[in-house]
Amino acid sequence: MSEVQAEKPRPDLLKWAIRGVALIGVAAVLYVIGASAFKSPAGEDGLADLSDLRRASLAKLDVPAEPRAMPTVGFTDADGKALTLADFKGEVVVLNLWATWCAPCKKEMPTLAGLQAAYATQPVKVLAVSVDRDDDLNIAKADIAAVPPLKLYRDPGYKLAFGLTPRAEGFPTTLIFDKQGRERARLAGEADWNSPEARELVERLIREKS
């Protein structure tokens, strides 16, 4: 037997190097995906793009090309205290115009309550503004009492509903305002406001810098 022993095969360093690079690549992709999940699609002006949320329960969502100015027309709380949207600046506001005689309004009300409950600790305010007459105030109070944590707000003279630009076309109409008080979207008709796309809309506006 030869005194010169055969050299043992060396580990395939190239194979391990390729595997290492592949693992690093996978980790990088997962990091990018995870980071993007918390990032709002935004334009150069820093405003979140909401147009891709026109789907499923929000298929009829109207997203203006430019934010609409905050309306100055007021409304009241259940006790008659005068309010305007300026009183809620710093919060994402979901303003829902409804009436006790409107079946679609009452059908979607629990989803608005669900949305408010989900963001109870966040700067989000759901304003259920009734356009009912004073004669129907007790009915409106009873309807809202059935869907906590919503509170009753009122616009019995349609001043807010008709003072919007453009004016509300019917009921229900829901408007979304950012933390600066600008209208960023609206939807005429019934919707599920506790759906994944509705929550994503709210979350994108929460993440915007004030």
N, C-alpha and C. Protein backbone atom coordinates (compact mmCIF):
# COMPACT_ATOMS: atom_id res chain seq x y z
N MET A 1 0.85 -1.19 0.00
CA MET A 1 0.00 0.00 0.00
C MET A 1 0.87 1.22 0.00
N SER A 2 0.53 2.22 -0.78
CA SER A 2 1.33 3.43 -0.91
C SER A 2 1.29 4.20 0.38
N GLU A 3 2.47 4.77 0.75
CA GLU A 3 2.54 5.58 1.95
C GLU A 3 1.79 6.89 1.78
N VAL A 4 1.60 7.27 0.54
CA VAL A 4 0.88 8.53 0.26
C VAL A 4 -0.61 8.25 0.30
N GLN A 5 -1.26 8.75 1.37
CA GLN A 5 -2.70 8.51 1.51
C GLN A 5 -3.50 9.47 0.64
N ALA A 6 -4.62 8.94 0.15
CA ALA A 6 -5.48 9.80 -0.68
C ALA A 6 -6.04 10.92 0.17
N GLU A 7 -6.03 12.12 -0.41
CA GLU A 7 -6.53 13.31 0.30
C GLU A 7 -8.04 13.21 0.47
N LYS A 8 -8.52 13.46 1.72
CA LYS A 8 -9.95 13.41 1.97
C LYS A 8 -10.65 14.52 1.20
N PRO A 9 -11.84 14.25 0.70
CA PRO A 9 -12.56 15.28 -0.03
C PRO A 9 -12.89 16.46 0.88
N ARG A 10 -12.64 17.66 0.38
CA ARG A 10 -12.93 18.89 1.14
C ARG A 10 -14.42 19.20 1.06
N PRO A 11 -14.98 19.84 2.11
CA PRO A 11 -16.41 20.22 2.06
C PRO A 11 -16.68 21.09 0.86
N ASP A 12 -17.84 20.93 0.31
CA ASP A 12 -18.21 21.72 -0.86
C ASP A 12 -18.53 23.14 -0.41
N LEU A 13 -17.49 23.96 -0.33
CA LEU A 13 -17.68 25.33 0.16
C LEU A 13 -18.61 26.15 -0.74
N LEU A 14 -18.51 25.88 -2.04
CA LEU A 14 -19.35 26.65 -2.97
C LEU A 14 -20.83 26.38 -2.71
N LYS A 15 -21.15 25.09 -2.45
CA LYS A 15 -22.55 24.73 -2.21
C LYS A 15 -23.08 25.44 -0.97
N TRP A 16 -22.27 25.47 0.11
CA TRP A 16 -22.71 26.13 1.34
C TRP A 16 -22.80 27.63 1.16
N ALA A 17 -21.91 28.18 0.36
CA ALA A 17 -21.96 29.62 0.12
C ALA A 17 -23.23 30.01 -0.61
N ILE A 18 -23.61 29.19 -1.59
CA ILE A 18 -24.85 29.46 -2.35
C ILE A 18 -26.06 29.39 -1.43
N ARG A 19 -26.06 28.38 -0.55
CA ARG A 19 -27.18 28.26 0.38
C ARG A 19 -27.26 29.47 1.31
N GLY A 20 -26.10 29.93 1.77
CA GLY A 20 -26.08 31.09 2.66
C GLY A 20 -26.62 32.34 1.99
N VAL A 21 -26.20 32.55 0.74
CA VAL A 21 -26.68 33.71 -0.01
C VAL A 21 -28.18 33.63 -0.21
N ALA A 22 -28.66 32.42 -0.51
CA ALA A 22 -30.10 32.24 -0.72
C ALA A 22 -30.88 32.56 0.54
N LEU A 23 -30.38 32.11 1.70
CA LEU A 23 -31.06 32.39 2.96
C LEU A 23 -31.09 33.88 3.26
N ILE A 24 -29.99 34.55 2.98
CA ILE A 24 -29.94 36.00 3.19
C ILE A 24 -30.95 36.71 2.29
N GLY A 25 -31.04 36.22 1.05
CA GLY A 25 -32.00 36.81 0.11
C GLY A 25 -33.43 36.66 0.57
N VAL A 26 -33.77 35.46 1.06
CA VAL A 26 -35.13 35.21 1.57
C VAL A 26 -35.42 36.10 2.76
N ALA A 27 -34.45 36.24 3.66
CA ALA A 27 -34.65 37.09 4.83
C ALA A 27 -34.89 38.53 4.43
N ALA A 28 -34.15 38.99 3.42
CA ALA A 28 -34.31 40.37 2.96
C ALA A 28 -35.69 40.60 2.37
N VAL A 29 -36.18 39.63 1.60
CA VAL A 29 -37.51 39.75 1.00
C VAL A 29 -38.58 39.80 2.08
N LEU A 30 -38.45 38.92 3.08
CA LEU A 30 -39.42 38.91 4.17
C LEU A 30 -39.41 40.21 4.94
N TYR A 31 -38.23 40.80 5.11
CA TYR A 31 -38.14 42.08 5.81
C TYR A 31 -38.85 43.18 5.05
N VAL A 32 -38.65 43.21 3.74
CA VAL A 32 -39.29 44.24 2.91
C VAL A 32 -40.80 44.09 2.94
N ILE A 33 -41.28 42.82 2.86
CA ILE A 33 -42.73 42.58 2.90
C ILE A 33 -43.30 43.03 4.23
N GLY A 34 -42.60 42.68 5.31
CA GLY A 34 -43.09 43.07 6.64
C GLY A 34 -43.10 44.56 6.83
N ALA A 35 -42.06 45.24 6.35
CA ALA A 35 -42.00 46.69 6.50
C ALA A 35 -43.07 47.37 5.68
N SER A 36 -43.35 46.85 4.50
CA SER A 36 -44.34 47.48 3.63
C SER A 36 -45.75 47.35 4.19
N ALA A 37 -45.96 46.34 5.05
CA ALA A 37 -47.29 46.16 5.62
C ALA A 37 -47.68 47.30 6.54
N PHE A 38 -46.66 48.03 7.05
CA PHE A 38 -46.93 49.14 7.95
C PHE A 38 -46.70 50.48 7.29
N LYS A 39 -46.56 50.49 6.02
CA LYS A 39 -46.30 51.72 5.30
C LYS A 39 -47.50 52.09 4.45
N SER A 40 -47.94 53.34 4.54
CA SER A 40 -49.08 53.80 3.75
C SER A 40 -48.61 54.19 2.36
N PRO A 41 -49.27 53.69 1.31
CA PRO A 41 -48.94 54.18 -0.02
C PRO A 41 -49.19 55.68 -0.05
N ALA A 42 -48.18 56.46 -0.35
CA ALA A 42 -48.32 57.92 -0.28
C ALA A 42 -47.67 58.56 -1.49
N GLY A 43 -48.19 59.72 -1.85
CA GLY A 43 -47.63 60.47 -2.95
C GLY A 43 -46.56 61.43 -2.44
N GLU A 44 -46.10 62.31 -3.32
CA GLU A 44 -45.06 63.25 -2.94
C GLU A 44 -45.53 64.23 -1.88
N ASP A 45 -46.84 64.45 -1.79
CA ASP A 45 -47.36 65.37 -0.78
C ASP A 45 -47.52 64.73 0.58
N GLY A 46 -47.16 63.45 0.69
CA GLY A 46 -47.24 62.77 1.97
C GLY A 46 -48.61 62.24 2.31
N LEU A 47 -49.58 62.42 1.41
CA LEU A 47 -50.94 61.95 1.67
C LEU A 47 -51.10 60.51 1.19
N ALA A 48 -51.74 59.70 2.01
CA ALA A 48 -51.96 58.30 1.65
C ALA A 48 -52.87 58.20 0.44
N ASP A 49 -52.55 57.28 -0.45
CA ASP A 49 -53.40 57.00 -1.61
C ASP A 49 -54.51 56.06 -1.17
N LEU A 50 -55.75 56.47 -1.36
CA LEU A 50 -56.89 55.66 -0.94
C LEU A 50 -57.63 55.03 -2.11
N SER A 51 -57.20 55.34 -3.32
CA SER A 51 -57.96 54.93 -4.50
C SER A 51 -58.05 53.42 -4.67
N ASP A 52 -57.04 52.68 -4.20
CA ASP A 52 -57.07 51.23 -4.36
C ASP A 52 -58.06 50.55 -3.42
N LEU A 53 -58.66 51.32 -2.52
CA LEU A 53 -59.62 50.76 -1.57
C LEU A 53 -61.04 50.75 -2.13
N ARG A 54 -61.21 51.14 -3.38
CA ARG A 54 -62.53 51.06 -4.03
C ARG A 54 -62.78 49.60 -4.42
N ARG A 55 -63.11 48.80 -3.44
CA ARG A 55 -63.34 47.38 -3.71
C ARG A 55 -64.23 46.81 -2.61
N ALA A 56 -64.80 45.65 -2.91
CA ALA A 56 -65.64 44.92 -1.95
C ALA A 56 -66.68 45.86 -1.35
N SER A 57 -66.71 46.00 -0.04
CA SER A 57 -67.75 46.80 0.60
C SER A 57 -67.61 48.29 0.30
N LEU A 58 -66.45 48.72 -0.18
CA LEU A 58 -66.22 50.13 -0.49
C LEU A 58 -66.15 50.37 -2.00
N ALA A 59 -66.79 49.53 -2.76
CA ALA A 59 -66.72 49.63 -4.23
C ALA A 59 -67.21 50.98 -4.74
N LYS A 60 -68.15 51.61 -4.02
CA LYS A 60 -68.70 52.88 -4.45
C LYS A 60 -67.99 54.08 -3.84
N LEU A 61 -66.82 53.85 -3.25
CA LEU A 61 -66.07 54.92 -2.58
C LEU A 61 -65.65 55.99 -3.57
N ASP A 62 -65.91 57.24 -3.23
CA ASP A 62 -65.49 58.39 -4.03
C ASP A 62 -64.26 59.00 -3.38
N VAL A 63 -63.14 58.96 -4.10
CA VAL A 63 -61.88 59.53 -3.59
C VAL A 63 -61.53 60.73 -4.47
N PRO A 64 -61.69 61.95 -3.98
CA PRO A 64 -61.39 63.12 -4.81
C PRO A 64 -59.91 63.21 -5.15
N ALA A 65 -59.62 63.79 -6.31
CA ALA A 65 -58.22 63.94 -6.73
C ALA A 65 -57.44 64.80 -5.75
N GLU A 66 -58.09 65.78 -5.18
CA GLU A 66 -57.50 66.65 -4.16
C GLU A 66 -58.40 66.65 -2.95
N PRO A 67 -57.84 66.68 -1.74
CA PRO A 67 -58.69 66.73 -0.54
C PRO A 67 -59.62 67.93 -0.59
N ARG A 68 -60.85 67.73 -0.11
CA ARG A 68 -61.81 68.82 -0.06
C ARG A 68 -61.69 69.57 1.27
N ALA A 69 -61.92 70.86 1.22
CA ALA A 69 -61.78 71.68 2.41
C ALA A 69 -62.77 71.26 3.50
N MET A 70 -62.37 71.47 4.73
CA MET A 70 -63.23 71.13 5.86
C MET A 70 -64.48 72.00 5.84
N PRO A 71 -65.65 71.41 5.91
CA PRO A 71 -66.88 72.20 5.93
C PRO A 71 -66.97 72.99 7.23
N THR A 72 -67.50 74.19 7.14
CA THR A 72 -67.64 75.04 8.32
C THR A 72 -69.05 74.99 8.90
N VAL A 73 -69.98 74.37 8.18
CA VAL A 73 -71.36 74.26 8.65
C VAL A 73 -71.39 73.35 9.88
N GLY A 74 -72.15 73.77 10.88
CA GLY A 74 -72.16 73.03 12.13
C GLY A 74 -73.27 72.02 12.27
N PHE A 75 -73.24 71.31 13.39
CA PHE A 75 -74.27 70.35 13.79
C PHE A 75 -74.28 70.38 15.31
N THR A 76 -75.03 69.54 15.95
CA THR A 76 -75.09 69.56 17.42
C THR A 76 -74.94 68.15 17.98
N ASP A 77 -74.67 68.10 19.28
CA ASP A 77 -74.73 66.80 19.93
C ASP A 77 -76.17 66.56 20.38
N ALA A 78 -76.42 65.48 21.08
CA ALA A 78 -77.79 65.12 21.47
C ALA A 78 -78.42 66.14 22.41
N ASP A 79 -77.58 66.91 23.12
CA ASP A 79 -78.08 67.90 24.06
C ASP A 79 -78.21 69.30 23.45
N GLY A 80 -77.91 69.40 22.15
CA GLY A 80 -78.04 70.68 21.48
C GLY A 80 -76.79 71.55 21.48
N LYS A 81 -75.67 71.04 21.97
CA LYS A 81 -74.43 71.80 21.96
C LYS A 81 -73.91 71.93 20.53
N ALA A 82 -73.60 73.17 20.11
CA ALA A 82 -73.13 73.43 18.76
C ALA A 82 -71.71 72.91 18.57
N LEU A 83 -71.50 72.24 17.43
CA LEU A 83 -70.20 71.68 17.10
C LEU A 83 -69.89 71.92 15.63
N THR A 84 -68.61 71.87 15.28
CA THR A 84 -68.17 71.82 13.89
C THR A 84 -67.07 70.77 13.80
N LEU A 85 -66.68 70.44 12.60
CA LEU A 85 -65.61 69.44 12.44
C LEU A 85 -64.28 69.93 13.02
N ALA A 86 -64.13 71.24 13.14
CA ALA A 86 -62.90 71.78 13.73
C ALA A 86 -62.72 71.31 15.16
N ASP A 87 -63.82 70.97 15.83
CA ASP A 87 -63.73 70.48 17.21
C ASP A 87 -63.09 69.10 17.29
N PHE A 88 -62.97 68.42 16.15
CA PHE A 88 -62.42 67.07 16.13
C PHE A 88 -61.08 67.02 15.39
N LYS A 89 -60.47 68.18 15.19
CA LYS A 89 -59.19 68.22 14.49
C LYS A 89 -58.16 67.42 15.27
N GLY A 90 -57.34 66.66 14.56
CA GLY A 90 -56.37 65.78 15.19
C GLY A 90 -56.85 64.34 15.23
N GLU A 91 -58.11 64.12 14.82
CA GLU A 91 -58.66 62.78 14.77
C GLU A 91 -59.11 62.45 13.34
N VAL A 92 -59.05 61.19 13.00
CA VAL A 92 -59.67 60.72 11.75
C VAL A 92 -61.17 60.64 12.03
N VAL A 93 -61.97 61.34 11.24
CA VAL A 93 -63.40 61.41 11.49
C VAL A 93 -64.16 60.65 10.40
N VAL A 94 -65.03 59.75 10.85
CA VAL A 94 -65.95 59.05 9.95
C VAL A 94 -67.33 59.62 10.26
N LEU A 95 -67.82 60.50 9.39
CA LEU A 95 -69.09 61.19 9.63
C LEU A 95 -70.19 60.54 8.80
N ASN A 96 -71.18 60.01 9.48
CA ASN A 96 -72.26 59.30 8.83
C ASN A 96 -73.56 60.06 8.97
N LEU A 97 -74.16 60.45 7.84
CA LEU A 97 -75.45 61.13 7.82
C LEU A 97 -76.54 60.07 7.67
N TRP A 98 -77.47 60.04 8.62
CA TRP A 98 -78.45 58.96 8.63
C TRP A 98 -79.80 59.47 9.13
N ALA A 99 -80.81 58.61 9.07
CA ALA A 99 -82.14 58.94 9.56
C ALA A 99 -82.83 57.68 10.04
N THR A 100 -83.75 57.84 10.98
CA THR A 100 -84.45 56.67 11.53
C THR A 100 -85.37 56.03 10.52
N TRP A 101 -85.81 56.81 9.51
CA TRP A 101 -86.72 56.27 8.50
C TRP A 101 -85.98 55.63 7.32
N CYS A 102 -84.64 55.61 7.41
CA CYS A 102 -83.79 55.09 6.33
C CYS A 102 -83.34 53.67 6.68
N ALA A 103 -83.91 52.66 6.01
CA ALA A 103 -83.58 51.26 6.30
C ALA A 103 -82.09 50.93 6.08
N PRO A 104 -81.48 51.36 4.95
CA PRO A 104 -80.05 51.08 4.77
C PRO A 104 -79.19 51.74 5.84
N CYS A 105 -79.61 52.91 6.33
CA CYS A 105 -78.87 53.59 7.40
C CYS A 105 -78.81 52.71 8.64
N LYS A 106 -79.97 52.20 9.03
CA LYS A 106 -80.05 51.41 10.25
C LYS A 106 -79.35 50.06 10.08
N LYS A 107 -79.32 49.54 8.86
CA LYS A 107 -78.66 48.26 8.61
C LYS A 107 -77.15 48.37 8.79
N GLU A 108 -76.55 49.49 8.34
CA GLU A 108 -75.10 49.62 8.42
C GLU A 108 -74.63 50.16 9.77
N MET A 109 -75.55 50.66 10.61
CA MET A 109 -75.16 51.28 11.86
C MET A 109 -74.32 50.38 12.76
N PRO A 110 -74.63 49.08 12.90
CA PRO A 110 -73.78 48.22 13.73
C PRO A 110 -72.33 48.14 13.24
N THR A 111 -72.12 48.28 11.93
CA THR A 111 -70.74 48.23 11.43
C THR A 111 -69.98 49.50 11.80
N LEU A 112 -70.68 50.62 11.85
CA LEU A 112 -70.05 51.87 12.31
C LEU A 112 -69.69 51.75 13.79
N ALA A 113 -70.58 51.13 14.56
CA ALA A 113 -70.29 50.91 15.97
C ALA A 113 -69.08 49.99 16.14
N GLY A 114 -69.00 48.97 15.30
CA GLY A 114 -67.86 48.07 15.36
C GLY A 114 -66.56 48.77 15.03
N LEU A 115 -66.60 49.68 14.05
CA LEU A 115 -65.41 50.44 13.69
C LEU A 115 -64.97 51.33 14.85
N GLN A 116 -65.91 52.03 15.48
CA GLN A 116 -65.55 52.88 16.60
C GLN A 116 -64.97 52.07 17.76
N ALA A 117 -65.58 50.93 18.04
CA ALA A 117 -65.08 50.09 19.13
C ALA A 117 -63.67 49.58 18.84
N ALA A 118 -63.39 49.26 17.59
CA ALA A 118 -62.07 48.72 17.22
C ALA A 118 -60.97 49.76 17.40
N TYR A 119 -61.32 51.04 17.29
CA TYR A 119 -60.31 52.10 17.40
C TYR A 119 -60.58 53.00 18.60
N ALA A 120 -61.10 52.41 19.67
CA ALA A 120 -61.45 53.18 20.87
C ALA A 120 -60.25 53.88 21.48
N THR A 121 -59.06 53.32 21.31
CA THR A 121 -57.86 53.92 21.90
C THR A 121 -57.03 54.68 20.87
N GLN A 122 -57.56 54.83 19.66
CA GLN A 122 -56.86 55.53 18.58
C GLN A 122 -57.55 56.87 18.29
N PRO A 123 -56.85 57.79 17.60
CA PRO A 123 -57.46 59.08 17.28
C PRO A 123 -58.47 58.96 16.14
N VAL A 124 -59.56 58.26 16.43
CA VAL A 124 -60.61 58.00 15.44
C VAL A 124 -61.96 58.32 16.09
N LYS A 125 -62.79 59.08 15.37
CA LYS A 125 -64.12 59.42 15.88
C LYS A 125 -65.16 59.14 14.83
N VAL A 126 -66.14 58.30 15.18
CA VAL A 126 -67.27 58.03 14.30
C VAL A 126 -68.42 58.91 14.77
N LEU A 127 -68.88 59.80 13.90
CA LEU A 127 -69.96 60.73 14.21
C LEU A 127 -71.21 60.29 13.47
N ALA A 128 -72.19 59.79 14.19
CA ALA A 128 -73.46 59.39 13.59
C ALA A 128 -74.41 60.59 13.70
N VAL A 129 -74.56 61.31 12.59
CA VAL A 129 -75.32 62.57 12.59
C VAL A 129 -76.71 62.32 12.00
N SER A 130 -77.72 62.41 12.85
CA SER A 130 -79.10 62.17 12.43
C SER A 130 -79.70 63.43 11.82
N VAL A 131 -80.44 63.25 10.72
CA VAL A 131 -81.14 64.37 10.09
C VAL A 131 -82.63 64.35 10.45
N ASP A 132 -83.00 63.56 11.45
CA ASP A 132 -84.40 63.45 11.86
C ASP A 132 -84.90 64.76 12.46
N ARG A 133 -86.20 64.97 12.36
CA ARG A 133 -86.85 66.13 12.95
C ARG A 133 -86.86 66.01 14.48
N ASP A 134 -87.12 67.13 15.13
CA ASP A 134 -87.19 67.13 16.59
C ASP A 134 -88.25 66.16 17.09
N ASP A 135 -89.32 65.99 16.34
CA ASP A 135 -90.40 65.09 16.75
C ASP A 135 -89.93 63.64 16.86
N ASP A 136 -88.87 63.31 16.14
CA ASP A 136 -88.37 61.93 16.12
C ASP A 136 -87.09 61.77 16.95
N LEU A 137 -86.80 62.75 17.78
CA LEU A 137 -85.57 62.71 18.56
C LEU A 137 -85.50 61.48 19.46
N ASN A 138 -86.58 61.14 20.11
CA ASN A 138 -86.57 59.98 20.99
C ASN A 138 -86.30 58.69 20.24
N ILE A 139 -86.82 58.60 19.01
CA ILE A 139 -86.56 57.41 18.19
C ILE A 139 -85.08 57.33 17.84
N ALA A 140 -84.51 58.48 17.46
CA ALA A 140 -83.08 58.51 17.12
C ALA A 140 -82.22 58.14 18.32
N LYS A 141 -82.58 58.63 19.50
CA LYS A 141 -81.83 58.29 20.70
C LYS A 141 -81.90 56.79 20.98
N ALA A 142 -83.07 56.21 20.79
CA ALA A 142 -83.22 54.78 21.03
C ALA A 142 -82.41 53.96 20.04
N ASP A 143 -82.40 54.38 18.79
CA ASP A 143 -81.63 53.65 17.77
C ASP A 143 -80.14 53.68 18.09
N ILE A 144 -79.63 54.84 18.51
CA ILE A 144 -78.21 54.95 18.82
C ILE A 144 -77.87 54.19 20.10
N ALA A 145 -78.79 54.21 21.05
CA ALA A 145 -78.54 53.48 22.30
C ALA A 145 -78.37 51.99 22.05
N ALA A 146 -78.92 51.51 20.95
CA ALA A 146 -78.85 50.08 20.62
C ALA A 146 -77.52 49.69 19.98
N VAL A 147 -76.68 50.68 19.64
CA VAL A 147 -75.42 50.38 18.95
C VAL A 147 -74.25 51.11 19.64
N PRO A 148 -73.98 50.77 20.90
CA PRO A 148 -72.83 51.38 21.57
C PRO A 148 -71.55 50.95 20.88
N PRO A 149 -70.48 51.77 20.92
CA PRO A 149 -70.31 53.00 21.69
C PRO A 149 -70.68 54.28 20.94
N LEU A 150 -71.49 54.19 19.87
CA LEU A 150 -71.85 55.39 19.13
C LEU A 150 -72.65 56.35 20.00
N LYS A 151 -72.49 57.63 19.70
CA LYS A 151 -73.26 58.68 20.35
C LYS A 151 -74.06 59.42 19.29
N LEU A 152 -75.12 60.07 19.72
CA LEU A 152 -76.00 60.76 18.79
C LEU A 152 -75.55 62.20 18.54
N TYR A 153 -75.50 62.54 17.26
CA TYR A 153 -75.28 63.92 16.82
C TYR A 153 -76.42 64.26 15.87
N ARG A 154 -76.72 65.57 15.70
CA ARG A 154 -77.94 65.94 14.98
C ARG A 154 -77.71 67.05 13.96
N ASP A 155 -78.48 66.95 12.89
CA ASP A 155 -78.54 67.96 11.83
C ASP A 155 -79.98 68.02 11.31
N PRO A 156 -80.95 68.39 12.18
CA PRO A 156 -82.36 68.31 11.79
C PRO A 156 -82.75 69.24 10.66
N GLY A 157 -82.01 70.31 10.44
CA GLY A 157 -82.34 71.25 9.37
C GLY A 157 -81.60 70.98 8.07
N TYR A 158 -80.86 69.86 8.02
CA TYR A 158 -80.10 69.49 6.82
C TYR A 158 -79.03 70.53 6.45
N LYS A 159 -78.64 71.36 7.40
CA LYS A 159 -77.65 72.40 7.09
C LYS A 159 -76.30 71.79 6.71
N LEU A 160 -75.87 70.81 7.48
CA LEU A 160 -74.60 70.15 7.17
C LEU A 160 -74.73 69.32 5.90
N ALA A 161 -75.79 68.54 5.80
CA ALA A 161 -75.98 67.65 4.65
C ALA A 161 -75.98 68.44 3.34
N PHE A 162 -76.68 69.57 3.32
CA PHE A 162 -76.77 70.38 2.10
C PHE A 162 -75.64 71.40 1.98
N GLY A 163 -74.90 71.60 3.07
CA GLY A 163 -73.79 72.55 3.04
C GLY A 163 -72.48 71.96 2.59
N LEU A 164 -72.46 70.65 2.38
CA LEU A 164 -71.24 69.99 1.90
C LEU A 164 -71.00 70.35 0.44
N THR A 165 -69.75 70.27 0.01
CA THR A 165 -69.40 70.50 -1.39
C THR A 165 -68.69 69.27 -1.94
N PRO A 166 -69.36 68.50 -2.83
CA PRO A 166 -70.76 68.65 -3.25
C PRO A 166 -71.71 68.21 -2.14
N ARG A 167 -72.96 68.59 -2.24
CA ARG A 167 -73.93 68.28 -1.21
C ARG A 167 -74.21 66.78 -1.16
N ALA A 168 -74.69 66.31 -0.03
CA ALA A 168 -75.04 64.90 0.11
C ALA A 168 -76.19 64.57 -0.83
N GLU A 169 -76.06 63.46 -1.55
CA GLU A 169 -77.07 63.08 -2.53
C GLU A 169 -78.22 62.29 -1.93
N GLY A 170 -78.06 61.78 -0.76
CA GLY A 170 -79.10 60.97 -0.12
C GLY A 170 -78.56 60.39 1.17
N PHE A 171 -79.28 59.44 1.73
CA PHE A 171 -78.89 58.85 3.00
C PHE A 171 -78.95 57.32 2.90
N PRO A 172 -77.98 56.66 3.49
CA PRO A 172 -76.88 57.24 4.24
C PRO A 172 -75.79 57.79 3.31
N THR A 173 -75.06 58.78 3.81
CA THR A 173 -73.85 59.25 3.17
C THR A 173 -72.78 59.31 4.25
N THR A 174 -71.63 58.74 3.96
CA THR A 174 -70.53 58.70 4.93
C THR A 174 -69.32 59.41 4.36
N LEU A 175 -68.76 60.31 5.14
CA LEU A 175 -67.60 61.09 4.73
C LEU A 175 -66.42 60.79 5.64
N ILE A 176 -65.24 60.71 5.04
CA ILE A 176 -64.02 60.43 5.80
C ILE A 176 -63.14 61.66 5.78
N PHE A 177 -62.80 62.16 6.97
CA PHE A 177 -61.95 63.34 7.10
C PHE A 177 -60.64 62.95 7.76
N ASP A 178 -59.53 63.52 7.27
CA ASP A 178 -58.23 63.22 7.87
C ASP A 178 -58.03 64.07 9.13
N LYS A 179 -56.86 63.94 9.74
CA LYS A 179 -56.61 64.62 11.02
C LYS A 179 -56.52 66.13 10.87
N GLN A 180 -56.40 66.61 9.63
CA GLN A 180 -56.40 68.05 9.36
C GLN A 180 -57.81 68.56 9.10
N GLY A 181 -58.79 67.67 9.06
CA GLY A 181 -60.17 68.08 8.82
C GLY A 181 -60.55 68.13 7.35
N ARG A 182 -59.69 67.60 6.48
CA ARG A 182 -59.98 67.61 5.05
C ARG A 182 -60.74 66.36 4.64
N GLU A 183 -61.71 66.52 3.76
CA GLU A 183 -62.45 65.36 3.27
C GLU A 183 -61.58 64.59 2.29
N ARG A 184 -61.36 63.30 2.60
CA ARG A 184 -60.50 62.48 1.76
C ARG A 184 -61.28 61.44 0.97
N ALA A 185 -62.50 61.13 1.42
CA ALA A 185 -63.32 60.15 0.71
C ALA A 185 -64.75 60.26 1.21
N ARG A 186 -65.68 59.75 0.38
CA ARG A 186 -67.07 59.65 0.82
C ARG A 186 -67.73 58.51 0.07
N LEU A 187 -68.83 58.05 0.65
CA LEU A 187 -69.57 56.96 0.04
C LEU A 187 -71.05 57.22 0.24
N ALA A 188 -71.78 57.26 -0.87
CA ALA A 188 -73.23 57.43 -0.82
C ALA A 188 -73.87 56.06 -0.86
N GLY A 189 -74.64 55.74 0.16
CA GLY A 189 -75.27 54.43 0.23
C GLY A 189 -74.70 53.60 1.36
N GLU A 190 -75.25 52.42 1.49
CA GLU A 190 -74.86 51.51 2.58
C GLU A 190 -73.51 50.87 2.33
N ALA A 191 -72.77 50.63 3.41
CA ALA A 191 -71.48 49.94 3.31
C ALA A 191 -71.21 49.22 4.62
N ASP A 192 -70.22 48.33 4.58
CA ASP A 192 -69.77 47.66 5.79
C ASP A 192 -68.55 48.41 6.30
N TRP A 193 -68.73 49.23 7.33
CA TRP A 193 -67.64 50.07 7.83
C TRP A 193 -66.75 49.37 8.84
N ASN A 194 -66.99 48.09 9.04
CA ASN A 194 -66.09 47.31 9.90
C ASN A 194 -65.36 46.25 9.09
N SER A 195 -65.32 46.43 7.77
CA SER A 195 -64.67 45.48 6.86
C SER A 195 -63.16 45.73 6.84
N PRO A 196 -62.38 44.77 6.32
CA PRO A 196 -60.93 44.96 6.24
C PRO A 196 -60.54 46.21 5.45
N GLU A 197 -61.23 46.48 4.32
CA GLU A 197 -60.88 47.64 3.51
C GLU A 197 -61.24 48.95 4.21
N ALA A 198 -62.33 48.94 4.98
CA ALA A 198 -62.69 50.15 5.73
C ALA A 198 -61.67 50.42 6.83
N ARG A 199 -61.23 49.37 7.49
CA ARG A 199 -60.21 49.55 8.53
C ARG A 199 -58.89 50.00 7.93
N GLU A 200 -58.55 49.48 6.77
CA GLU A 200 -57.31 49.90 6.11
C GLU A 200 -57.37 51.37 5.76
N LEU A 201 -58.53 51.85 5.31
CA LEU A 201 -58.70 53.27 4.99
C LEU A 201 -58.41 54.11 6.23
N VAL A 202 -59.01 53.74 7.34
CA VAL A 202 -58.81 54.48 8.59
C VAL A 202 -57.36 54.42 9.04
N GLU A 203 -56.75 53.25 8.94
CA GLU A 203 -55.38 53.09 9.41
C GLU A 203 -54.39 53.90 8.58
N ARG A 204 -54.62 54.00 7.28
CA ARG A 204 -53.73 54.81 6.45
C ARG A 204 -53.78 56.27 6.88
N LEU A 205 -54.95 56.74 7.22
CA LEU A 205 -55.07 58.14 7.65
C LEU A 205 -54.51 58.35 9.05
N ILE A 206 -54.61 57.33 9.90
CA ILE A 206 -54.00 57.43 11.23
C ILE A 206 -52.49 57.59 11.10
N ARG A 207 -51.89 56.85 10.16
CA ARG A 207 -50.43 56.85 10.03
C ARG A 207 -49.89 58.11 9.39
N GLU A 208 -50.75 58.89 8.76
CA GLU A 208 -50.27 60.15 8.17
C GLU A 208 -49.79 61.09 9.26
N LYS A 209 -48.76 61.86 8.95
CA LYS A 209 -48.28 62.86 9.90
C LYS A 209 -49.30 64.00 9.98
N SER A 210 -49.53 64.47 11.19
CA SER A 210 -50.51 65.55 11.38
C SER A 210 -49.97 66.86 10.80
